[in-house]
PDB file of all heavy atoms in Angstrom:
ATOM      1  N   ARG A   1       0.802  -1.230   0.000  1.00  0.00           N
ATOM      2  CA  ARG A   1       0.000   0.000   0.000  1.00  0.00           C
ATOM      3  C   ARG A   1       0.835   1.280   0.000  1.00  0.00           C
ATOM      4  O   ARG A   1       0.301   2.376  -0.104  1.00  0.00           O
ATOM      5  CB  ARG A   1      -0.964  -0.007   1.171  1.00  0.00           C
ATOM      6  CG  ARG A   1      -1.940  -1.158   1.065  1.00  0.00           C
ATOM      7  CD  ARG A   1      -3.262  -0.765   1.641  1.00  0.00           C
ATOM      8  NE  ARG A   1      -4.252  -1.782   1.332  1.00  0.00           N
ATOM      9  CZ  ARG A   1      -5.170  -1.650   0.401  1.00  0.00           C
ATOM     10  NH1 ARG A   1      -5.235  -0.576  -0.317  1.00  0.00           N
ATOM     11  NH2 ARG A   1      -6.045  -2.607   0.193  1.00  0.00           N
ATOM     12  N   ARG A   2       2.142   1.160   0.081  1.00  0.00           N
ATOM     13  CA  ARG A   2       3.001   2.338  -0.030  1.00  0.00           C
ATOM     14  C   ARG A   2       3.451   2.575  -1.463  1.00  0.00           C
ATOM     15  O   ARG A   2       4.041   3.593  -1.773  1.00  0.00           O
ATOM     16  CB  ARG A   2       4.223   2.185   0.889  1.00  0.00           C
ATOM     17  CG  ARG A   2       3.847   2.347   2.366  1.00  0.00           C
ATOM     18  CD  ARG A   2       5.036   2.216   3.270  1.00  0.00           C
ATOM     19  NE  ARG A   2       5.233   0.788   3.506  1.00  0.00           N
ATOM     20  CZ  ARG A   2       6.377   0.221   3.799  1.00  0.00           C
ATOM     21  NH1 ARG A   2       7.464   0.941   3.887  1.00  0.00           N
ATOM     22  NH2 ARG A   2       6.458  -1.066   4.018  1.00  0.00           N
ATOM     23  N   ARG A   3       3.184   1.618  -2.313  1.00  0.00           N
ATOM     24  CA  ARG A   3       3.607   1.730  -3.718  1.00  0.00           C
ATOM     25  C   ARG A   3       2.410   1.443  -4.631  1.00  0.00           C
ATOM     26  O   ARG A   3       1.837   0.357  -4.575  1.00  0.00           O
ATOM     27  CB  ARG A   3       4.712   0.721  -3.970  1.00  0.00           C
ATOM     28  CG  ARG A   3       5.274   0.819  -5.316  1.00  0.00           C
ATOM     29  CD  ARG A   3       6.727   0.626  -5.260  1.00  0.00           C
ATOM     30  NE  ARG A   3       7.197   0.964  -6.579  1.00  0.00           N
ATOM     31  CZ  ARG A   3       8.414   0.878  -6.940  1.00  0.00           C
ATOM     32  NH1 ARG A   3       9.317   0.501  -6.093  1.00  0.00           N
ATOM     33  NH2 ARG A   3       8.765   1.188  -8.150  1.00  0.00           N
ATOM     34  N   TRP A   4       2.037   2.415  -5.443  1.00  0.00           N
ATOM     35  CA  TRP A   4       0.849   2.295  -6.276  1.00  0.00           C
ATOM     36  C   TRP A   4       1.207   2.378  -7.759  1.00  0.00           C
ATOM     37  O   TRP A   4       2.186   3.015  -8.130  1.00  0.00           O
ATOM     38  CB  TRP A   4      -0.150   3.394  -5.931  1.00  0.00           C
ATOM     39  CG  TRP A   4      -0.791   3.142  -4.601  1.00  0.00           C
ATOM     40  CD1 TRP A   4      -0.214   3.286  -3.376  1.00  0.00           C
ATOM     41  CD2 TRP A   4      -2.107   2.674  -4.375  1.00  0.00           C
ATOM     42  NE1 TRP A   4      -1.098   2.937  -2.395  1.00  0.00           N
ATOM     43  CE2 TRP A   4      -2.274   2.560  -2.971  1.00  0.00           C
ATOM     44  CE3 TRP A   4      -3.175   2.348  -5.198  1.00  0.00           C
ATOM     45  CZ2 TRP A   4      -3.458   2.121  -2.404  1.00  0.00           C
ATOM     46  CZ3 TRP A   4      -4.360   1.918  -4.623  1.00  0.00           C
ATOM     47  CH2 TRP A   4      -4.491   1.805  -3.243  1.00  0.00           C
ATOM     48  N   ALA A   5       0.386   1.748  -8.561  1.00  0.00           N
ATOM     49  CA  ALA A   5       0.564   1.785 -10.019  1.00  0.00           C
ATOM     50  C   ALA A   5      -0.766   2.172 -10.659  1.00  0.00           C
ATOM     51  O   ALA A   5      -1.831   1.945 -10.094  1.00  0.00           O
ATOM     52  CB  ALA A   5       0.991   0.416 -10.525  1.00  0.00           C
ATOM     53  N   THR A   6      -0.679   2.757 -11.823  1.00  0.00           N
ATOM     54  CA  THR A   6      -1.874   3.085 -12.603  1.00  0.00           C
ATOM     55  C   THR A   6      -1.776   2.357 -13.930  1.00  0.00           C
ATOM     56  O   THR A   6      -0.760   2.448 -14.616  1.00  0.00           O
ATOM     57  CB  THR A   6      -1.985   4.602 -12.847  1.00  0.00           C
ATOM     58  OG1 THR A   6      -2.037   5.264 -11.583  1.00  0.00           O
ATOM     59  CG2 THR A   6      -3.226   4.937 -13.644  1.00  0.00           C
ATOM     60  N   GLN A   7      -2.813   1.619 -14.257  1.00  0.00           N
ATOM     61  CA  GLN A   7      -2.864   0.910 -15.535  1.00  0.00           C
ATOM     62  C   GLN A   7      -4.041   1.444 -16.336  1.00  0.00           C
ATOM     63  O   GLN A   7      -5.055   1.842 -15.777  1.00  0.00           O
ATOM     64  CB  GLN A   7      -3.056  -0.587 -15.301  1.00  0.00           C
ATOM     65  CG  GLN A   7      -1.839  -1.262 -14.729  1.00  0.00           C
ATOM     66  CD  GLN A   7      -2.076  -2.739 -14.539  1.00  0.00           C
ATOM     67  OE1 GLN A   7      -2.634  -3.144 -13.525  1.00  0.00           O
ATOM     68  NE2 GLN A   7      -1.684  -3.523 -15.518  1.00  0.00           N
ATOM     69  N   THR A   8      -3.882   1.439 -17.640  1.00  0.00           N
ATOM     70  CA  THR A   8      -4.981   1.881 -18.497  1.00  0.00           C
ATOM     71  C   THR A   8      -5.676   0.664 -19.098  1.00  0.00           C
ATOM     72  O   THR A   8      -5.065  -0.386 -19.305  1.00  0.00           O
ATOM     73  CB  THR A   8      -4.478   2.796 -19.627  1.00  0.00           C
ATOM     74  OG1 THR A   8      -3.487   2.101 -20.373  1.00  0.00           O
ATOM     75  CG2 THR A   8      -3.882   4.074 -19.062  1.00  0.00           C
ATOM     76  N   THR A   9      -6.959   0.832 -19.328  1.00  0.00           N
ATOM     77  CA  THR A   9      -7.757  -0.204 -19.979  1.00  0.00           C
ATOM     78  C   THR A   9      -8.548   0.456 -21.098  1.00  0.00           C
ATOM     79  O   THR A   9      -8.606   1.677 -21.191  1.00  0.00           O
ATOM     80  CB  THR A   9      -8.754  -0.864 -18.999  1.00  0.00           C
ATOM     81  OG1 THR A   9      -9.691   0.128 -18.567  1.00  0.00           O
ATOM     82  CG2 THR A   9      -8.061  -1.465 -17.797  1.00  0.00           C
ATOM     83  N   THR A  10      -9.143  -0.349 -21.923  1.00  0.00           N
ATOM     84  CA  THR A  10     -10.027   0.186 -22.948  1.00  0.00           C
ATOM     85  C   THR A  10     -11.317   0.627 -22.259  1.00  0.00           C
ATOM     86  O   THR A  10     -11.954  -0.182 -21.589  1.00  0.00           O
ATOM     87  CB  THR A  10     -10.339  -0.888 -23.999  1.00  0.00           C
ATOM     88  OG1 THR A  10      -9.107  -1.363 -24.534  1.00  0.00           O
ATOM     89  CG2 THR A  10     -11.222  -0.350 -25.100  1.00  0.00           C
ATOM     90  N   PRO A  11     -11.690   1.896 -22.368  1.00  0.00           N
ATOM     91  CA  PRO A  11     -12.929   2.341 -21.728  1.00  0.00           C
ATOM     92  C   PRO A  11     -14.116   1.471 -22.144  1.00  0.00           C
ATOM     93  O   PRO A  11     -14.226   1.052 -23.297  1.00  0.00           O
ATOM     94  CB  PRO A  11     -13.100   3.775 -22.223  1.00  0.00           C
ATOM     95  CG  PRO A  11     -11.701   4.217 -22.526  1.00  0.00           C
ATOM     96  CD  PRO A  11     -11.019   2.988 -23.060  1.00  0.00           C
ATOM     97  N   LEU A  12     -14.957   1.167 -21.187  1.00  0.00           N
ATOM     98  CA  LEU A  12     -16.149   0.335 -21.352  1.00  0.00           C
ATOM     99  C   LEU A  12     -15.838  -1.112 -21.726  1.00  0.00           C
ATOM    100  O   LEU A  12     -16.712  -1.857 -22.136  1.00  0.00           O
ATOM    101  CB  LEU A  12     -17.122   0.944 -22.365  1.00  0.00           C
ATOM    102  CG  LEU A  12     -17.691   2.302 -21.977  1.00  0.00           C
ATOM    103  CD1 LEU A  12     -18.551   2.856 -23.096  1.00  0.00           C
ATOM    104  CD2 LEU A  12     -18.486   2.230 -20.688  1.00  0.00           C
ATOM    105  N   TRP A  13     -14.595  -1.544 -21.532  1.00  0.00           N
ATOM    106  CA  TRP A  13     -14.214  -2.918 -21.869  1.00  0.00           C
ATOM    107  C   TRP A  13     -15.074  -3.926 -21.127  1.00  0.00           C
ATOM    108  O   TRP A  13     -15.596  -4.861 -21.720  1.00  0.00           O
ATOM    109  CB  TRP A  13     -12.736  -3.159 -21.557  1.00  0.00           C
ATOM    110  CG  TRP A  13     -12.359  -4.585 -21.751  1.00  0.00           C
ATOM    111  CD1 TRP A  13     -12.002  -5.165 -22.929  1.00  0.00           C
ATOM    112  CD2 TRP A  13     -12.337  -5.619 -20.779  1.00  0.00           C
ATOM    113  NE1 TRP A  13     -11.764  -6.505 -22.743  1.00  0.00           N
ATOM    114  CE2 TRP A  13     -11.960  -6.806 -21.421  1.00  0.00           C
ATOM    115  CE3 TRP A  13     -12.607  -5.668 -19.416  1.00  0.00           C
ATOM    116  CZ2 TRP A  13     -11.842  -8.019 -20.761  1.00  0.00           C
ATOM    117  CZ3 TRP A  13     -12.488  -6.875 -18.752  1.00  0.00           C
ATOM    118  CH2 TRP A  13     -12.112  -8.024 -19.421  1.00  0.00           C
ATOM    119  N   TRP A  14     -15.231  -3.752 -19.826  1.00  0.00           N
ATOM    120  CA  TRP A  14     -15.977  -4.724 -19.022  1.00  0.00           C
ATOM    121  C   TRP A  14     -17.418  -4.829 -19.501  1.00  0.00           C
ATOM    122  O   TRP A  14     -17.919  -5.911 -19.757  1.00  0.00           O
ATOM    123  CB  TRP A  14     -15.932  -4.317 -17.545  1.00  0.00           C
ATOM    124  CG  TRP A  14     -16.676  -5.256 -16.664  1.00  0.00           C
ATOM    125  CD1 TRP A  14     -17.938  -5.116 -16.185  1.00  0.00           C
ATOM    126  CD2 TRP A  14     -16.205  -6.512 -16.167  1.00  0.00           C
ATOM    127  NE1 TRP A  14     -18.281  -6.187 -15.432  1.00  0.00           N
ATOM    128  CE2 TRP A  14     -17.236  -7.062 -15.402  1.00  0.00           C
ATOM    129  CE3 TRP A  14     -15.007  -7.209 -16.308  1.00  0.00           C
ATOM    130  CZ2 TRP A  14     -17.114  -8.281 -14.757  1.00  0.00           C
ATOM    131  CZ3 TRP A  14     -14.888  -8.431 -15.667  1.00  0.00           C
ATOM    132  CH2 TRP A  14     -15.925  -8.948 -14.908  1.00  0.00           C
ATOM    133  N   GLU A  15     -18.083  -3.711 -19.620  1.00  0.00           N
ATOM    134  CA  GLU A  15     -19.486  -3.692 -20.008  1.00  0.00           C
ATOM    135  C   GLU A  15     -19.689  -4.301 -21.399  1.00  0.00           C
ATOM    136  O   GLU A  15     -20.598  -5.098 -21.615  1.00  0.00           O
ATOM    137  CB  GLU A  15     -19.992  -2.253 -19.979  1.00  0.00           C
ATOM    138  CG  GLU A  15     -21.486  -2.148 -20.081  1.00  0.00           C
ATOM    139  CD  GLU A  15     -21.941  -0.715 -19.846  1.00  0.00           C
ATOM    140  OE1 GLU A  15     -21.361  -0.006 -19.001  1.00  0.00           O
ATOM    141  OE2 GLU A  15     -22.879  -0.326 -20.549  1.00  0.00           O
ATOM    142  N   THR A  16     -18.838  -3.943 -22.334  1.00  0.00           N
ATOM    143  CA  THR A  16     -18.939  -4.471 -23.694  1.00  0.00           C
ATOM    144  C   THR A  16     -18.734  -5.982 -23.707  1.00  0.00           C
ATOM    145  O   THR A  16     -19.470  -6.719 -24.371  1.00  0.00           O
ATOM    146  CB  THR A  16     -17.882  -3.797 -24.594  1.00  0.00           C
ATOM    147  OG1 THR A  16     -18.077  -2.387 -24.537  1.00  0.00           O
ATOM    148  CG2 THR A  16     -17.990  -4.268 -26.025  1.00  0.00           C
ATOM    149  N   THR A  17     -17.756  -6.451 -22.956  1.00  0.00           N
ATOM    150  CA  THR A  17     -17.461  -7.887 -22.905  1.00  0.00           C
ATOM    151  C   THR A  17     -18.619  -8.655 -22.293  1.00  0.00           C
ATOM    152  O   THR A  17     -19.033  -9.701 -22.817  1.00  0.00           O
ATOM    153  CB  THR A  17     -16.173  -8.128 -22.099  1.00  0.00           C
ATOM    154  OG1 THR A  17     -15.113  -7.410 -22.718  1.00  0.00           O
ATOM    155  CG2 THR A  17     -15.826  -9.604 -22.049  1.00  0.00           C
ATOM    156  N   ILE A  18     -19.170  -8.159 -21.193  1.00  0.00           N
ATOM    157  CA  ILE A  18     -20.293  -8.835 -20.536  1.00  0.00           C
ATOM    158  C   ILE A  18     -21.497  -8.883 -21.471  1.00  0.00           C
ATOM    159  O   ILE A  18     -22.145  -9.926 -21.605  1.00  0.00           O
ATOM    160  CB  ILE A  18     -20.654  -8.123 -19.210  1.00  0.00           C
ATOM    161  CG1 ILE A  18     -19.534  -8.285 -18.199  1.00  0.00           C
ATOM    162  CG2 ILE A  18     -21.970  -8.652 -18.651  1.00  0.00           C
ATOM    163  CD1 ILE A  18     -19.201  -9.720 -17.833  1.00  0.00           C
ATOM    164  N   ARG A  19     -21.807  -7.794 -22.113  1.00  0.00           N
ATOM    165  CA  ARG A  19     -22.955  -7.789 -23.036  1.00  0.00           C
ATOM    166  C   ARG A  19     -22.776  -8.802 -24.162  1.00  0.00           C
ATOM    167  O   ARG A  19     -23.714  -9.492 -24.550  1.00  0.00           O
ATOM    168  CB  ARG A  19     -23.146  -6.398 -23.628  1.00  0.00           C
ATOM    169  CG  ARG A  19     -23.812  -5.460 -22.694  1.00  0.00           C
ATOM    170  CD  ARG A  19     -24.132  -4.154 -23.381  1.00  0.00           C
ATOM    171  NE  ARG A  19     -24.724  -3.241 -22.421  1.00  0.00           N
ATOM    172  CZ  ARG A  19     -24.688  -1.946 -22.524  1.00  0.00           C
ATOM    173  NH1 ARG A  19     -24.106  -1.386 -23.563  1.00  0.00           N
ATOM    174  NH2 ARG A  19     -25.230  -1.184 -21.612  1.00  0.00           N
ATOM    175  N   ARG A  20     -21.577  -8.888 -24.674  1.00  0.00           N
ATOM    176  CA  ARG A  20     -21.301  -9.804 -25.784  1.00  0.00           C
ATOM    177  C   ARG A  20     -21.466 -11.267 -25.364  1.00  0.00           C
ATOM    178  O   ARG A  20     -21.942 -12.089 -26.125  1.00  0.00           O
ATOM    179  CB  ARG A  20     -19.890  -9.565 -26.308  1.00  0.00           C
ATOM    180  CG  ARG A  20     -19.568 -10.398 -27.539  1.00  0.00           C
ATOM    181  CD  ARG A  20     -18.174 -10.155 -28.083  1.00  0.00           C
ATOM    182  NE  ARG A  20     -17.751  -8.772 -27.962  1.00  0.00           N
ATOM    183  CZ  ARG A  20     -16.551  -8.400 -27.521  1.00  0.00           C
ATOM    184  NH1 ARG A  20     -15.645  -9.284 -27.168  1.00  0.00           N
ATOM    185  NH2 ARG A  20     -16.235  -7.128 -27.449  1.00  0.00           N
ATOM    186  N   HIS A  21     -21.076 -11.587 -24.139  1.00  0.00           N
ATOM    187  CA  HIS A  21     -21.078 -12.975 -23.690  1.00  0.00           C
ATOM    188  C   HIS A  21     -22.245 -13.345 -22.777  1.00  0.00           C
ATOM    189  O   HIS A  21     -22.333 -14.480 -22.318  1.00  0.00           O
ATOM    190  CB  HIS A  21     -19.755 -13.280 -22.983  1.00  0.00           C
ATOM    191  CG  HIS A  21     -18.574 -13.153 -23.893  1.00  0.00           C
ATOM    192  ND1 HIS A  21     -18.281 -14.085 -24.861  1.00  0.00           N
ATOM    193  CD2 HIS A  21     -17.634 -12.183 -24.001  1.00  0.00           C
ATOM    194  CE1 HIS A  21     -17.198 -13.699 -25.524  1.00  0.00           C
ATOM    195  NE2 HIS A  21     -16.796 -12.547 -25.023  1.00  0.00           N
ATOM    196  N   ARG A  22     -23.125 -12.411 -22.511  1.00  0.00           N
ATOM    197  CA  ARG A  22     -24.220 -12.647 -21.574  1.00  0.00           C
ATOM    198  C   ARG A  22     -25.089 -13.855 -21.929  1.00  0.00           C
ATOM    199  O   ARG A  22     -25.390 -14.666 -21.050  1.00  0.00           O
ATOM    200  CB  ARG A  22     -25.073 -11.394 -21.444  1.00  0.00           C
ATOM    201  CG  ARG A  22     -26.152 -11.547 -20.429  1.00  0.00           C
ATOM    202  CD  ARG A  22     -26.917 -10.281 -20.241  1.00  0.00           C
ATOM    203  NE  ARG A  22     -27.995 -10.500 -19.300  1.00  0.00           N
ATOM    204  CZ  ARG A  22     -28.720  -9.547 -18.806  1.00  0.00           C
ATOM    205  NH1 ARG A  22     -28.513  -8.296 -19.148  1.00  0.00           N
ATOM    206  NH2 ARG A  22     -29.677  -9.827 -17.957  1.00  0.00           N
ATOM    207  N   PRO A  23     -25.513 -14.023 -23.165  1.00  0.00           N
ATOM    208  CA  PRO A  23     -26.359 -15.191 -23.469  1.00  0.00           C
ATOM    209  C   PRO A  23     -25.674 -16.517 -23.111  1.00  0.00           C
ATOM    210  O   PRO A  23     -26.305 -17.406 -22.522  1.00  0.00           O
ATOM    211  CB  PRO A  23     -26.600 -15.083 -24.980  1.00  0.00           C
ATOM    212  CG  PRO A  23     -26.458 -13.629 -25.280  1.00  0.00           C
ATOM    213  CD  PRO A  23     -25.369 -13.153 -24.343  1.00  0.00           C
ATOM    214  N   ARG A  24     -24.405 -16.636 -23.427  1.00  0.00           N
ATOM    215  CA  ARG A  24     -23.684 -17.868 -23.105  1.00  0.00           C
ATOM    216  C   ARG A  24     -23.546 -18.044 -21.598  1.00  0.00           C
ATOM    217  O   ARG A  24     -23.715 -19.146 -21.074  1.00  0.00           O
ATOM    218  CB  ARG A  24     -22.308 -17.874 -23.757  1.00  0.00           C
ATOM    219  CG  ARG A  24     -21.537 -19.169 -23.508  1.00  0.00           C
ATOM    220  CD  ARG A  24     -20.234 -19.210 -24.274  1.00  0.00           C
ATOM    221  NE  ARG A  24     -19.381 -18.072 -24.013  1.00  0.00           N
ATOM    222  CZ  ARG A  24     -18.386 -18.066 -23.114  1.00  0.00           C
ATOM    223  NH1 ARG A  24     -18.120 -19.130 -22.413  1.00  0.00           N
ATOM    224  NH2 ARG A  24     -17.659 -16.991 -22.957  1.00  0.00           N
ATOM    225  N   MET A  25     -23.260 -16.959 -20.876  1.00  0.00           N
ATOM    226  CA  MET A  25     -23.130 -17.042 -19.421  1.00  0.00           C
ATOM    227  C   MET A  25     -24.454 -17.454 -18.791  1.00  0.00           C
ATOM    228  O   MET A  25     -24.476 -18.289 -17.879  1.00  0.00           O
ATOM    229  CB  MET A  25     -22.660 -15.708 -18.845  1.00  0.00           C
ATOM    230  CG  MET A  25     -21.236 -15.366 -19.225  1.00  0.00           C
ATOM    231  SD  MET A  25     -20.544 -13.907 -18.413  1.00  0.00           S
ATOM    232  CE  MET A  25     -21.707 -12.629 -18.798  1.00  0.00           C
ATOM    233  N   GLU A  26     -25.567 -16.900 -19.277  1.00  0.00           N
ATOM    234  CA  GLU A  26     -26.872 -17.260 -18.738  1.00  0.00           C
ATOM    235  C   GLU A  26     -27.185 -18.735 -18.989  1.00  0.00           C
ATOM    236  O   GLU A  26     -27.719 -19.421 -18.120  1.00  0.00           O
ATOM    237  CB  GLU A  26     -27.959 -16.367 -19.326  1.00  0.00           C
ATOM    238  CG  GLU A  26     -27.896 -14.954 -18.780  1.00  0.00           C
ATOM    239  CD  GLU A  26     -28.895 -14.021 -19.424  1.00  0.00           C
ATOM    240  OE1 GLU A  26     -29.438 -14.349 -20.516  1.00  0.00           O
ATOM    241  OE2 GLU A  26     -29.140 -12.957 -18.842  1.00  0.00           O
ATOM    242  N   ARG A  27     -26.841 -19.228 -20.178  1.00  0.00           N
ATOM    243  CA  ARG A  27     -27.053 -20.658 -20.467  1.00  0.00           C
ATOM    244  C   ARG A  27     -26.242 -21.536 -19.531  1.00  0.00           C
ATOM    245  O   ARG A  27     -26.731 -22.562 -19.034  1.00  0.00           O
ATOM    246  CB  ARG A  27     -26.689 -20.969 -21.925  1.00  0.00           C
ATOM    247  CG  ARG A  27     -27.701 -20.489 -22.942  1.00  0.00           C
ATOM    248  CD  ARG A  27     -27.443 -21.071 -24.331  1.00  0.00           C
ATOM    249  NE  ARG A  27     -26.081 -20.878 -24.808  1.00  0.00           N
ATOM    250  CZ  ARG A  27     -25.654 -19.806 -25.481  1.00  0.00           C
ATOM    251  NH1 ARG A  27     -26.497 -18.827 -25.763  1.00  0.00           N
ATOM    252  NH2 ARG A  27     -24.406 -19.717 -25.890  1.00  0.00           N
ATOM    253  N   GLU A  28     -25.007 -21.144 -19.278  1.00  0.00           N
ATOM    254  CA  GLU A  28     -24.149 -21.939 -18.389  1.00  0.00           C
ATOM    255  C   GLU A  28     -24.669 -21.939 -16.955  1.00  0.00           C
ATOM    256  O   GLU A  28     -24.643 -22.966 -16.282  1.00  0.00           O
ATOM    257  CB  GLU A  28     -22.712 -21.429 -18.428  1.00  0.00           C
ATOM    258  CG  GLU A  28     -21.964 -21.807 -19.683  1.00  0.00           C
ATOM    259  CD  GLU A  28     -21.838 -23.329 -19.809  1.00  0.00           C
ATOM    260  OE1 GLU A  28     -21.363 -24.000 -18.865  1.00  0.00           O
ATOM    261  OE2 GLU A  28     -22.232 -23.850 -20.857  1.00  0.00           O
ATOM    262  N   VAL A  29     -25.139 -20.793 -16.476  1.00  0.00           N
ATOM    263  CA  VAL A  29     -25.706 -20.725 -15.126  1.00  0.00           C
ATOM    264  C   VAL A  29     -26.926 -21.631 -15.049  1.00  0.00           C
ATOM    265  O   VAL A  29     -27.099 -22.383 -14.079  1.00  0.00           O
ATOM    266  CB  VAL A  29     -26.052 -19.270 -14.728  1.00  0.00           C
ATOM    267  CG1 VAL A  29     -26.898 -19.240 -13.468  1.00  0.00           C
ATOM    268  CG2 VAL A  29     -24.783 -18.459 -14.549  1.00  0.00           C
ATOM    269  N   GLU A  30     -27.788 -21.591 -16.052  1.00  0.00           N
ATOM    270  CA  GLU A  30     -28.972 -22.464 -16.083  1.00  0.00           C
ATOM    271  C   GLU A  30     -28.569 -23.934 -16.067  1.00  0.00           C
ATOM    272  O   GLU A  30     -29.170 -24.752 -15.377  1.00  0.00           O
ATOM    273  CB  GLU A  30     -29.825 -22.176 -17.323  1.00  0.00           C
ATOM    274  CG  GLU A  30     -30.714 -20.976 -17.171  1.00  0.00           C
ATOM    275  CD  GLU A  30     -31.739 -21.160 -16.062  1.00  0.00           C
ATOM    276  OE1 GLU A  30     -32.323 -22.255 -15.922  1.00  0.00           O
ATOM    277  OE2 GLU A  30     -31.947 -20.171 -15.319  1.00  0.00           O
ATOM    278  N   ARG A  31     -27.535 -24.278 -16.821  1.00  0.00           N
ATOM    279  CA  ARG A  31     -27.081 -25.668 -16.873  1.00  0.00           C
ATOM    280  C   ARG A  31     -26.599 -26.128 -15.504  1.00  0.00           C
ATOM    281  O   ARG A  31     -26.948 -27.210 -15.025  1.00  0.00           O
ATOM    282  CB  ARG A  31     -25.948 -25.818 -17.890  1.00  0.00           C
ATOM    283  CG  ARG A  31     -25.479 -27.254 -18.091  1.00  0.00           C
ATOM    284  CD  ARG A  31     -24.243 -27.332 -18.966  1.00  0.00           C
ATOM    285  NE  ARG A  31     -23.092 -26.632 -18.412  1.00  0.00           N
ATOM    286  CZ  ARG A  31     -22.331 -27.100 -17.411  1.00  0.00           C
ATOM    287  NH1 ARG A  31     -22.601 -28.247 -16.847  1.00  0.00           N
ATOM    288  NH2 ARG A  31     -21.301 -26.401 -16.988  1.00  0.00           N
TER     289      ARG A  31
END
């Protein structure tokens, strides 16, 4: 906690990825 780093990501990466894979994730949860 005395040493910090900043990393960059593609904005909205998480949301875009979840939306793209949501149908498959829902099927797997149901299974």
